[in-house]
């Protein structure tokens, strides 16, 4: 129990340094394909995750959002797990098909030309950890909290939080990206109903599965 309490106090630091370790494993990828310095990348990631992570935790507690995992006791675990799988498939299957039917375009994106399976696993894991902390724990909770102060309706605030955070998520993924925004909105809902861990796992699979398929077909 004491170990659990200590982890919950230092959880964001653990995630930040985990991402740093992942970056070390991706050193060749970061330097050769992203043309970024590894030390600058590690430092920037640690600073960003620590800042947005702790701020996100603060606002999550303010609006009553879960952190890592939420067990909905009003439904059976089987039902909660089944809904999670269905929501995951809503993201994973379309994303895989989009990559598959756009192989010609994907082949022109240098960083998607993976050298080995390790790059796929580490980059997918980094994306899941980094982006869920940034967009779901930070942006989603922050927007929801701010909107709640204006319209005084938690349900409408949550909807606005999902819409705005998913729109920003889409902008980061190639401009006005409807597909990415829909995925971002689904991940925000998954986080809100289940916590960060399910969102991170589904995000990881949504990247790792299509990227693995491309790597095999290449």
Protein backbone atom coordinates (compact mmCIF):
# COMPACT_ATOMS: atom_id res chain seq x y z
CA UNK A 1 0.00 0.00 0.00
CA UNK A 2 2.85 2.35 0.85
CA UNK A 3 4.53 1.57 -2.48
CA UNK A 4 1.26 2.34 -4.29
CA UNK A 5 0.95 5.71 -2.52
CA UNK A 6 4.55 6.60 -3.38
CA UNK A 7 3.95 5.68 -7.03
CA UNK A 8 0.81 7.83 -7.23
CA UNK A 9 2.81 10.79 -5.94
CA UNK A 10 5.62 10.25 -8.43
CA UNK A 11 3.64 8.70 -11.29
CA UNK A 12 4.16 11.58 -13.72
CA UNK A 13 7.91 11.54 -13.02
CA UNK A 14 7.94 7.79 -13.71
CA UNK A 15 6.18 8.35 -17.04
CA UNK A 16 8.50 11.24 -17.96
CA UNK A 17 11.64 9.20 -17.34
CA UNK A 18 10.10 6.17 -19.05
CA UNK A 19 9.65 8.29 -22.18
CA UNK A 20 13.29 9.43 -21.79
CA UNK A 21 14.41 5.78 -21.74
CA UNK A 22 12.27 5.06 -24.82
CA UNK A 23 13.95 8.01 -26.58
CA UNK A 24 17.36 6.51 -25.79
CA UNK A 25 16.18 3.30 -27.44
CA UNK A 26 15.14 5.38 -30.47
CA UNK A 27 18.37 7.38 -30.67
CA UNK A 28 19.14 6.43 -34.30
CA UNK A 29 15.54 7.03 -35.34
CA UNK A 30 15.42 10.46 -33.68
CA UNK A 31 18.75 11.60 -35.09
CA UNK A 32 18.50 10.14 -38.61
CA UNK A 33 14.78 10.33 -39.43
CA UNK A 34 13.55 13.20 -37.27
CA UNK A 35 16.81 15.16 -37.53
CA UNK A 36 16.67 16.07 -33.84
CA UNK A 37 19.33 15.96 -31.15
CA UNK A 38 18.77 13.15 -28.64
CA UNK A 39 19.69 15.17 -25.54
CA UNK A 40 17.48 18.09 -26.55
CA UNK A 41 14.63 15.65 -27.26
CA UNK A 42 14.97 13.91 -23.90
CA UNK A 43 15.14 17.19 -21.98
CA UNK A 44 12.19 18.72 -23.83
CA UNK A 45 10.02 15.63 -23.30
CA UNK A 46 10.79 15.43 -19.58
CA UNK A 47 9.99 19.13 -19.05
CA UNK A 48 6.76 19.00 -21.06
CA UNK A 49 5.43 15.78 -19.52
CA UNK A 50 6.25 16.86 -15.95
CA UNK A 51 4.57 20.26 -16.39
CA UNK A 52 1.43 19.16 -18.27
CA UNK A 53 1.21 15.94 -16.26
CA UNK A 54 1.04 17.56 -12.84
CA UNK A 55 -1.23 20.35 -14.09
CA UNK A 56 -3.46 17.74 -15.72
CA UNK A 57 -3.67 15.75 -12.47
CA UNK A 58 -4.73 18.92 -10.65
CA UNK A 59 -7.55 19.70 -13.09
CA UNK A 60 -8.58 16.02 -13.29
CA UNK A 61 -9.19 16.05 -9.53
CA UNK A 62 -11.11 19.33 -9.87
CA UNK A 63 -13.59 17.92 -12.41
CA UNK A 64 -13.71 14.43 -10.92
CA UNK A 65 -11.98 12.62 -13.80
CA UNK A 66 -10.13 9.33 -13.22
CA UNK A 67 -6.38 9.04 -13.41
CA UNK A 68 -4.92 5.69 -14.43
CA UNK A 69 -7.85 3.31 -14.08
CA UNK A 70 -11.51 3.61 -13.16
CA UNK A 71 -13.63 0.58 -12.38
CA UNK A 72 -17.27 1.40 -13.11
CA UNK A 73 -19.10 -0.53 -10.39
CA UNK A 74 -22.51 0.18 -11.95
CA UNK A 75 -21.78 -2.38 -14.69
CA UNK A 76 -20.06 -5.76 -14.69
CA UNK A 77 -16.36 -5.95 -15.47
CA UNK A 78 -17.16 -8.05 -18.56
CA UNK A 79 -19.45 -5.31 -19.91
CA UNK A 80 -16.91 -2.57 -19.19
CA UNK A 81 -14.17 -4.63 -20.84
CA UNK A 82 -16.39 -5.45 -23.84
CA UNK A 83 -17.23 -1.76 -24.40
CA UNK A 84 -13.52 -0.93 -24.16
CA UNK A 85 -12.71 -3.52 -26.84
CA UNK A 86 -15.43 -2.17 -29.14
CA UNK A 87 -14.21 1.42 -28.71
CA UNK A 88 -10.65 0.26 -29.34
CA UNK A 89 -11.69 -1.45 -32.57
CA UNK A 90 -13.43 1.77 -33.68
CA UNK A 91 -9.97 3.34 -33.70
CA UNK A 92 -7.67 0.45 -34.59
CA UNK A 93 -9.52 -1.01 -37.61
CA UNK A 94 -10.14 2.28 -39.51
CA UNK A 95 -6.61 3.48 -38.76
CA UNK A 96 -5.14 0.23 -40.08
CA UNK A 97 -7.28 0.43 -43.24
CA UNK A 98 -6.34 4.07 -43.82
CA UNK A 99 -2.64 3.22 -43.66
CA UNK A 100 -3.13 0.12 -45.85
CA UNK A 101 -5.00 1.94 -48.64
CA UNK A 102 -2.59 4.88 -48.59
CA UNK A 103 0.68 2.97 -48.84
CA UNK A 104 1.92 5.08 -51.75
CA UNK A 105 1.64 8.27 -49.70
CA UNK A 106 2.95 6.64 -46.53
CA UNK A 107 6.07 5.49 -48.39
CA UNK A 108 6.96 9.16 -49.02
CA UNK A 109 6.96 9.94 -45.29
CA UNK A 110 10.54 9.23 -44.24
CA UNK A 111 9.91 8.57 -40.55
CA UNK A 112 7.32 5.89 -41.41
CA UNK A 113 9.97 3.86 -43.22
CA UNK A 114 10.89 1.79 -40.19
CA UNK A 115 14.24 0.04 -40.03
CA UNK A 116 13.18 -2.68 -37.58
CA UNK A 117 10.33 -3.89 -35.39
CA UNK A 118 11.91 -2.32 -32.30
CA UNK A 119 11.34 1.15 -33.74
CA UNK A 120 7.65 0.38 -34.23
CA UNK A 121 7.15 -0.87 -30.67
CA UNK A 122 9.08 1.96 -29.00
CA UNK A 123 7.59 4.73 -31.14
CA UNK A 124 4.05 3.38 -30.61
CA UNK A 125 4.65 3.19 -26.87
CA UNK A 126 6.09 6.71 -26.80
CA UNK A 127 3.09 8.07 -28.74
CA UNK A 128 0.64 6.36 -26.40
CA UNK A 129 2.30 7.66 -23.24
CA UNK A 130 3.19 11.16 -24.45
CA UNK A 131 0.00 12.02 -26.31
CA UNK A 132 -2.42 10.63 -23.73
CA UNK A 133 -0.73 12.65 -20.98
CA UNK A 134 -0.68 15.77 -23.17
CA UNK A 135 -4.08 15.65 -24.88
CA UNK A 136 -6.29 13.65 -22.53
CA UNK A 137 -4.88 14.30 -19.05
CA UNK A 138 -3.90 17.92 -19.74
CA UNK A 139 -5.86 19.50 -22.61
CA UNK A 140 -9.13 17.59 -22.09
CA UNK A 141 -9.25 18.14 -18.33
CA UNK A 142 -8.11 21.78 -18.58
CA UNK A 143 -10.74 22.70 -21.18
CA UNK A 144 -13.47 20.87 -19.28
CA UNK A 145 -12.56 22.64 -16.05
CA UNK A 146 -12.47 26.09 -17.69
CA UNK A 147 -15.75 25.57 -19.56
CA UNK A 148 -17.44 24.37 -16.36
CA UNK A 149 -16.73 27.76 -14.78
CA UNK A 150 -18.56 29.45 -17.65
CA UNK A 151 -21.61 27.31 -18.38
CA UNK A 152 -22.00 25.56 -14.99
CA UNK A 153 -22.95 22.25 -16.61
CA UNK A 154 -20.54 19.36 -16.17
CA UNK A 155 -22.05 17.25 -18.96
CA UNK A 156 -21.88 20.07 -21.52
CA UNK A 157 -18.39 20.96 -20.30
CA UNK A 158 -17.21 17.38 -20.87
CA UNK A 159 -18.66 17.42 -24.40
CA UNK A 160 -16.89 20.72 -25.12
CA UNK A 161 -13.70 19.30 -23.62
CA UNK A 162 -13.88 16.30 -25.93
CA UNK A 163 -14.61 18.44 -29.00
CA UNK A 164 -11.88 21.03 -28.39
CA UNK A 165 -9.19 18.54 -27.29
CA UNK A 166 -9.92 16.24 -30.23
CA UNK A 167 -9.80 19.20 -32.65
CA UNK A 168 -6.37 20.19 -31.29
CA UNK A 169 -5.30 16.54 -31.52
CA UNK A 170 -6.32 16.57 -35.19
CA UNK A 171 -4.40 19.80 -35.85
CA UNK A 172 -1.22 18.26 -34.44
CA UNK A 173 -1.71 15.26 -36.75
CA UNK A 174 -1.63 17.04 -40.09
CA UNK A 175 -3.80 20.14 -39.87
CA UNK A 176 -7.60 19.88 -39.96
CA UNK A 177 -7.59 16.10 -39.75
CA UNK A 178 -11.14 14.77 -39.28
CA UNK A 179 -10.01 11.16 -38.90
CA UNK A 180 -7.47 12.04 -36.18
CA UNK A 181 -10.03 14.27 -34.46
CA UNK A 182 -12.54 11.42 -34.32
CA UNK A 183 -9.88 9.11 -32.90
CA UNK A 184 -8.88 11.80 -30.39
CA UNK A 185 -12.49 12.24 -29.31
CA UNK A 186 -12.89 8.49 -28.86
CA UNK A 187 -9.71 8.31 -26.78
CA UNK A 188 -10.93 11.23 -24.64
CA UNK A 189 -14.17 9.33 -23.98
CA UNK A 190 -12.21 6.16 -23.16
CA UNK A 191 -10.09 8.11 -20.68
CA UNK A 192 -13.13 9.79 -19.11
CA UNK A 193 -14.93 6.47 -18.61
CA UNK A 194 -11.98 4.18 -17.84
CA UNK A 195 -8.79 6.10 -17.08
CA UNK A 196 -5.46 6.69 -18.82
CA UNK A 197 -4.19 3.09 -18.92
CA UNK A 198 -6.88 1.80 -21.34
CA UNK A 199 -6.45 4.93 -23.51
CA UNK A 200 -2.67 4.43 -23.61
CA UNK A 201 -3.00 0.73 -24.52
CA UNK A 202 -5.53 1.40 -27.31
CA UNK A 203 -3.43 4.31 -28.63
CA UNK A 204 -0.38 2.03 -28.65
CA UNK A 205 -2.22 -0.68 -30.60
CA UNK A 206 -3.75 1.85 -33.01
CA UNK A 207 -0.21 2.82 -34.06
CA UNK A 208 1.64 -0.47 -33.65
CA UNK A 209 -0.78 -2.65 -35.67
CA UNK A 210 -0.89 -0.56 -38.91
CA UNK A 211 2.82 0.27 -38.68
CA UNK A 212 3.65 -3.43 -38.27
CA UNK A 213 1.47 -4.25 -41.28
CA UNK A 214 3.29 -1.65 -43.38
CA UNK A 215 6.65 -2.98 -42.22
CA UNK A 216 5.70 -6.54 -43.18
CA UNK A 217 4.31 -5.52 -46.58
CA UNK A 218 7.31 -3.33 -47.41
